[in-house]
Amino acid sequence: MRLIIRGRHLPGRSCGPYDDVHVGLQVRDEPQGLVPGDAERAEWVTEIHSDGEDFRGPAVQGRKGDRFVYLTWGTYTDATFRMFRRAKIMLGDLPSGAEEVTVEVDLTDDRGTPRCARLRDPAIRVV
């Protein structure tokens, strides 16, 4: 499956105690496709492989039966990323058997800070 993640409503470059805020897709231990927190929108694409019982792929995290991908928030200063928050997109919540799935994610929570924890409706929706 090709997973397309479209982020919207980013919280800004400065949020709470953090400056130079960026968000990216976590691949293994590193953020990929960093986008500044004041961008109009963001998009990441990753390949997810499923055998019907489990998910695999470079961005897949978690234990069997509880797999997800992370959007990782951090500061990006002097070419160094320092993570301070992450959001989970649960792969089991996505339509099974699809060749391509696109999700839209509202990246700002009700407090105006970067959205974190497990993403649930209405913060995420399959389009």
Protein backbone atom coordinates (compact mmCIF):
# COMPACT_ATOMS: atom_id res chain seq x y z
CA MET A 1 0.00 0.00 0.00
CA ARG A 2 1.14 3.49 -0.75
CA LEU A 3 0.33 5.72 2.23
CA ILE A 4 -0.02 9.43 1.49
CA ILE A 5 -0.21 11.69 4.53
CA ARG A 6 -1.41 15.25 3.92
CA GLY A 7 -0.93 17.62 6.80
CA ARG A 8 -2.87 20.86 7.14
CA HIS A 9 -3.36 23.58 9.74
CA LEU A 10 0.24 23.54 10.94
CA PRO A 11 0.75 25.30 14.30
CA GLY A 12 3.48 27.77 13.35
CA ARG A 13 7.25 28.02 13.60
CA SER A 14 7.09 28.99 17.30
CA CYS A 15 4.86 26.99 19.65
CA GLY A 16 4.94 27.26 23.42
CA PRO A 17 8.59 27.06 24.49
CA TYR A 18 9.77 25.82 21.06
CA ASP A 19 11.22 27.83 18.18
CA ASP A 20 12.06 26.72 14.65
CA VAL A 21 9.43 23.94 14.85
CA HIS A 22 9.40 21.33 12.06
CA VAL A 23 7.49 18.10 11.45
CA GLY A 24 8.50 15.04 9.47
CA LEU A 25 7.73 11.39 8.92
CA GLN A 26 9.83 9.25 11.23
CA VAL A 27 11.76 6.60 9.27
CA ARG A 28 13.50 4.28 11.68
CA ASP A 29 14.96 6.78 14.17
CA GLU A 30 15.23 9.82 11.89
CA PRO A 31 12.77 12.40 10.57
CA GLN A 32 12.32 12.49 6.79
CA GLY A 33 10.76 15.22 4.69
CA LEU A 34 10.96 17.92 7.35
CA VAL A 35 8.44 20.70 6.87
CA PRO A 36 8.54 24.02 8.79
CA GLY A 37 5.70 24.51 11.27
CA ASP A 38 4.53 27.63 9.44
CA ALA A 39 4.06 25.93 6.05
CA GLU A 40 0.60 26.00 4.50
CA ARG A 41 0.56 22.22 4.17
CA ALA A 42 2.78 19.16 4.26
CA GLU A 43 2.83 15.83 2.48
CA TRP A 44 4.68 12.57 3.01
CA VAL A 45 4.51 9.32 1.06
CA THR A 46 5.67 5.92 2.30
CA GLU A 47 5.28 2.32 1.24
CA ILE A 48 3.58 -0.07 3.65
CA HIS A 49 3.62 -3.81 2.98
CA SER A 50 1.03 -6.12 4.51
CA ASP A 51 0.66 -9.88 4.43
CA GLY A 52 -2.81 -9.61 5.97
CA GLU A 53 -1.50 -10.18 9.47
CA ASP A 54 1.29 -7.64 9.85
CA PHE A 55 2.68 -4.41 8.38
CA ARG A 56 6.25 -3.70 7.28
CA GLY A 57 8.05 -0.75 5.78
CA PRO A 58 10.77 1.79 6.52
CA ALA A 59 8.40 4.09 8.43
CA VAL A 60 6.48 1.33 10.27
CA GLN A 61 6.87 1.37 14.06
CA GLY A 62 5.45 -0.64 16.96
CA ARG A 63 4.75 -4.28 17.75
CA LYS A 64 2.95 -6.81 15.60
CA GLY A 65 -0.77 -6.18 15.89
CA ASP A 66 -0.21 -2.56 16.95
CA ARG A 67 1.73 -1.02 14.05
CA PHE A 68 1.76 2.69 13.25
CA VAL A 69 3.74 5.47 11.62
CA TYR A 70 4.93 8.53 13.50
CA LEU A 71 4.82 12.16 12.55
CA THR A 72 7.63 13.60 14.63
CA TRP A 73 7.78 17.19 15.87
CA GLY A 74 10.99 18.91 16.82
CA THR A 75 13.18 21.93 16.59
CA TYR A 76 15.55 22.12 13.65
CA THR A 77 18.46 24.40 14.38
CA ASP A 78 21.98 24.30 12.92
CA ALA A 79 21.03 21.16 10.91
CA THR A 80 20.17 19.31 14.13
CA PHE A 81 16.69 17.94 14.78
CA ARG A 82 15.59 17.63 18.42
CA MET A 83 12.31 15.77 18.78
CA PHE A 84 9.86 16.97 21.43
CA ARG A 85 6.55 15.36 20.41
CA ARG A 86 5.12 12.67 18.09
CA ALA A 87 1.74 11.76 16.62
CA LYS A 88 0.71 8.19 15.70
CA ILE A 89 -1.21 7.10 12.63
CA MET A 90 -2.44 3.60 13.45
CA LEU A 91 -2.15 1.31 10.42
CA GLY A 92 -4.94 -0.97 11.67
CA ASP A 93 -7.32 2.02 11.40
CA LEU A 94 -6.74 2.29 7.64
CA PRO A 95 -8.76 0.46 4.97
CA SER A 96 -7.29 -3.00 4.39
CA GLY A 97 -6.44 -4.27 0.94
CA ALA A 98 -6.17 -0.83 -0.68
CA GLU A 99 -3.29 -0.13 -3.06
CA GLU A 100 -3.22 3.52 -2.01
CA VAL A 101 -4.60 5.31 1.03
CA THR A 102 -4.58 9.06 1.57
CA VAL A 103 -5.15 10.53 5.01
CA GLU A 104 -5.60 14.19 5.91
CA VAL A 105 -4.29 15.22 9.30
CA ASP A 106 -5.06 18.42 11.19
CA LEU A 107 -1.62 19.13 12.68
CA THR A 108 -2.70 21.68 15.31
CA ASP A 109 -4.56 20.64 18.45
CA ASP A 110 -7.22 22.64 20.30
CA ARG A 111 -4.55 24.49 22.32
CA GLY A 112 -2.76 25.68 19.18
CA THR A 113 0.20 23.35 19.69
CA PRO A 114 1.53 20.49 17.53
CA ARG A 115 -0.89 17.57 17.57
CA CYS A 116 0.45 14.48 19.33
CA ALA A 117 -0.50 11.01 20.61
CA ARG A 118 -2.79 8.67 18.67
CA LEU A 119 -4.61 10.51 15.90
CA ARG A 120 -8.36 10.00 15.92
CA ASP A 121 -11.34 11.40 14.08
CA PRO A 122 -11.86 14.35 13.52
CA ALA A 123 -8.08 15.12 13.59
CA ILE A 124 -7.48 12.48 10.92
CA ARG A 125 -9.63 11.25 8.10
CA VAL A 126 -9.21 8.91 5.15
CA VAL A 127 -9.98 10.67 1.86
